[in-house]
Protein backbone atom coordinates (compact mmCIF):
# COMPACT_ATOMS: atom_id res chain seq x y z
CA MET A 1 -9.12 16.87 5.06
CA SER A 2 -8.47 16.12 9.05
CA ASN A 3 -6.91 12.26 9.15
CA VAL A 4 -4.33 12.90 6.56
CA ILE A 5 -0.77 10.46 7.00
CA ARG A 6 1.29 11.96 4.06
CA GLY A 7 4.89 10.65 3.18
CA LEU A 8 7.74 12.24 0.89
CA PHE A 9 9.17 10.66 -1.82
CA ALA A 10 13.09 10.96 -3.47
CA THR A 11 11.94 9.56 -7.03
CA PRO A 12 8.35 9.41 -8.90
CA GLN A 13 9.35 5.89 -8.70
CA GLN A 14 9.17 5.72 -4.98
CA ALA A 15 5.96 7.21 -5.17
CA SER A 16 4.56 5.00 -7.45
CA LEU A 17 5.15 2.07 -6.14
CA ALA A 18 3.83 3.95 -2.33
CA ILE A 19 0.25 4.42 -4.44
CA HIS A 20 0.43 0.80 -5.44
CA GLN A 21 1.01 -0.84 -2.21
CA LEU A 22 -1.85 1.14 -0.79
CA ALA A 23 -3.77 -0.09 -3.40
CA GLU A 24 -2.95 -3.56 -2.70
CA LYS A 25 -3.95 -2.88 0.43
CA GLY A 26 -7.52 -1.36 0.01
CA PHE A 27 -7.34 2.24 -0.49
CA ALA A 28 -8.98 3.90 -2.70
CA GLU A 29 -7.94 6.60 -5.31
CA GLN A 30 -10.50 9.15 -3.40
CA GLN A 31 -8.07 8.73 -0.81
CA ILE A 32 -4.53 9.05 -2.00
CA SER A 33 -3.14 12.45 -3.37
CA LEU A 34 0.05 12.95 -5.41
CA VAL A 35 1.92 16.55 -5.67
CA SER A 36 5.14 16.67 -7.51
CA ASN A 37 6.66 20.10 -9.50
CA GLU A 38 6.24 20.65 -13.04
CA THR A 39 9.29 18.34 -14.36
CA TYR A 40 7.30 15.86 -14.21
CA ASP A 41 4.16 14.51 -16.33
CA LYS A 42 2.48 11.02 -15.50
CA ASP A 43 4.43 9.33 -17.69
CA SER A 44 7.03 10.11 -15.02
CA PHE A 45 4.58 7.78 -12.80
CA SER A 46 3.75 4.86 -14.32
CA ILE A 47 5.32 1.28 -13.95
CA SER A 48 4.63 -1.55 -15.74
CA GLU A 49 2.50 -4.19 -14.77
CA ASN A 50 4.65 -6.44 -14.97
CA THR A 51 7.63 -4.69 -12.71
CA LYS A 52 9.42 -6.33 -10.01
CA PHE A 53 10.85 -4.40 -7.96
CA PRO A 54 14.03 -5.44 -5.97
CA GLU A 55 12.45 -5.68 -3.01
CA GLY A 56 10.47 -8.43 -4.77
CA VAL A 57 7.61 -6.72 -4.67
CA ALA A 58 5.62 -7.60 -8.23
CA ILE A 59 3.44 -5.08 -9.28
CA GLY A 60 -0.71 -6.32 -10.04
CA ALA A 61 -3.37 -4.71 -12.50
CA ALA A 62 -5.64 -3.81 -9.94
CA SER A 63 -3.22 -0.78 -7.97
CA GLY A 64 -2.05 -0.08 -11.61
CA GLY A 65 -5.55 1.25 -12.55
CA VAL A 66 -5.24 3.85 -9.26
CA LEU A 67 -2.02 4.69 -10.34
CA ALA A 68 -3.22 5.17 -14.16
CA SER A 69 -5.96 7.24 -12.91
CA ILE A 70 -4.19 9.70 -10.34
CA GLY A 71 -1.59 10.00 -12.75
CA ALA A 72 -3.90 10.95 -15.79
CA GLY A 73 -5.62 13.24 -12.97
CA LEU A 74 -2.71 15.45 -12.70
CA ALA A 75 -2.70 19.21 -12.86
CA MET A 76 -1.41 22.22 -12.51
CA VAL A 77 -2.51 24.01 -9.30
CA GLY A 78 -0.43 26.91 -8.75
CA SER A 79 3.16 27.86 -8.48
CA VAL A 80 5.83 29.23 -6.47
CA ALA A 81 7.00 32.35 -5.12
CA THR A 82 10.63 32.10 -6.03
CA GLY A 83 11.01 30.65 -9.64
CA GLY A 84 7.85 30.11 -10.49
CA LEU A 85 7.88 26.74 -11.00
CA GLY A 86 4.40 24.64 -11.23
CA ILE A 87 3.30 22.79 -8.49
CA LEU A 88 1.49 19.47 -10.09
CA ALA A 89 -1.36 17.57 -8.04
CA ALA A 90 -3.81 14.73 -8.29
CA GLY A 91 -6.41 13.51 -5.71
CA PRO A 92 -8.36 14.89 -2.65
CA ILE A 93 -5.44 17.50 -2.29
CA ALA A 94 -6.33 18.96 -6.44
CA THR A 95 -9.65 19.19 -5.29
CA ALA A 96 -9.13 21.38 -2.55
CA PHE A 97 -6.64 23.73 -4.39
CA PHE A 98 -9.57 24.11 -7.09
CA ALA A 99 -11.67 25.05 -4.25
CA GLY A 100 -10.16 28.19 -3.66
CA ALA A 101 -7.79 26.64 -0.17
CA GLY A 102 -4.37 27.54 -1.49
CA GLY A 103 -3.46 30.55 0.07
CA GLY A 104 -0.83 30.64 3.07
CA GLY A 105 2.00 28.69 0.72
CA ILE A 106 1.15 25.91 -1.65
CA LEU A 107 0.51 23.54 0.90
CA GLY A 108 -0.18 25.77 3.55
CA GLY A 109 -3.50 26.38 2.30
CA VAL A 110 -5.07 22.34 2.08
CA PHE A 111 -2.80 21.46 5.37
CA GLY A 112 -2.67 24.57 6.83
CA SER A 113 -5.17 23.65 9.49
CA ILE A 114 -3.58 20.23 10.17
CA PHE A 115 -0.11 20.24 9.95
CA PRO A 116 2.46 23.13 11.58
CA ASP A 117 3.50 25.93 9.17
CA GLU A 118 6.96 24.40 9.17
CA GLU A 119 6.40 20.79 8.36
CA ASN A 120 4.66 22.37 5.05
CA GLN A 121 6.96 24.75 4.42
CA TYR A 122 9.67 21.48 3.98
CA PHE A 123 7.35 19.53 2.17
CA GLU A 124 6.63 22.62 -0.20
CA ASP A 125 10.68 22.87 -0.35
CA GLU A 126 11.07 19.30 -1.18
CA ILE A 127 8.63 19.26 -3.46
CA VAL A 128 10.15 22.46 -5.61
CA LYS A 129 13.90 20.39 -5.32
CA GLY A 130 12.30 17.44 -7.43
CA SER A 131 10.55 15.42 -4.27
CA VAL A 132 6.64 14.11 -4.57
CA MET A 133 4.39 13.84 -1.77
CA VAL A 134 1.69 11.39 -1.34
CA SER A 135 -0.83 11.91 1.09
CA VAL A 136 -3.79 9.42 2.15
CA GLU A 137 -7.04 11.10 3.80
CA CYS A 138 -7.91 7.61 6.17
CA ASP A 139 -8.67 6.68 9.81
CA PRO A 140 -6.58 6.99 12.01
CA ALA A 141 -6.14 3.50 12.68
CA GLU A 142 -5.19 2.63 9.85
CA PHE A 143 -2.36 4.97 9.97
CA PRO A 144 0.21 2.21 10.59
CA LYS A 145 -0.63 0.65 7.60
CA VAL A 146 0.48 3.17 5.73
CA GLU A 147 3.52 4.43 7.39
CA GLN A 148 4.32 0.38 7.13
CA VAL A 149 4.02 1.04 2.81
CA PHE A 150 5.68 4.36 2.98
CA SER A 151 8.53 2.97 5.03
CA SER A 152 8.88 0.41 2.65
CA CYS A 153 8.95 2.92 -0.39
CA GLN A 154 11.72 4.71 1.22
CA ALA A 155 10.08 7.80 2.49
CA LYS A 156 12.44 9.99 3.25
CA ARG A 157 9.93 12.16 5.74
CA LEU A 158 5.84 11.43 6.83
CA ASN A 159 3.52 12.97 9.25
CA LYS A 160 0.52 12.63 9.94
CA SER A 161 -2.41 14.56 11.87
CA SER A 162 -5.75 13.64 13.29
């Protein structure tokens, strides 16, 4: 996991919309990861195929399948030392957690070599507070496409590495 762009969203609905839009732009579920705290479950990320968001973005069936697959794959990957709140993850990031990359903080173990510790800690703190992280592993040439999606879905912070 070296070419990654990640966004932080205030709500599961914003994160879900971002995943739908990423799928519509051709990103595969194997490229997209989701991390949240345990107060959410797969139903928190579901959006009806007929949903129309205020921005006028209709949700299609193809992108709905990607989100359903990612949501179904949510699994507990660790807990935060302060308070023991569980962290859920799905996608390639969950595989990295289960492969033993969980040292150095929940996100530091996976992203430690590609993002600064301060950024990893900020994202982790925000996830504990209820934000949701979506990350995409892709060619850096595709970063602008992901940035556009994250911005249109109101990501409150994003960062990228390559």
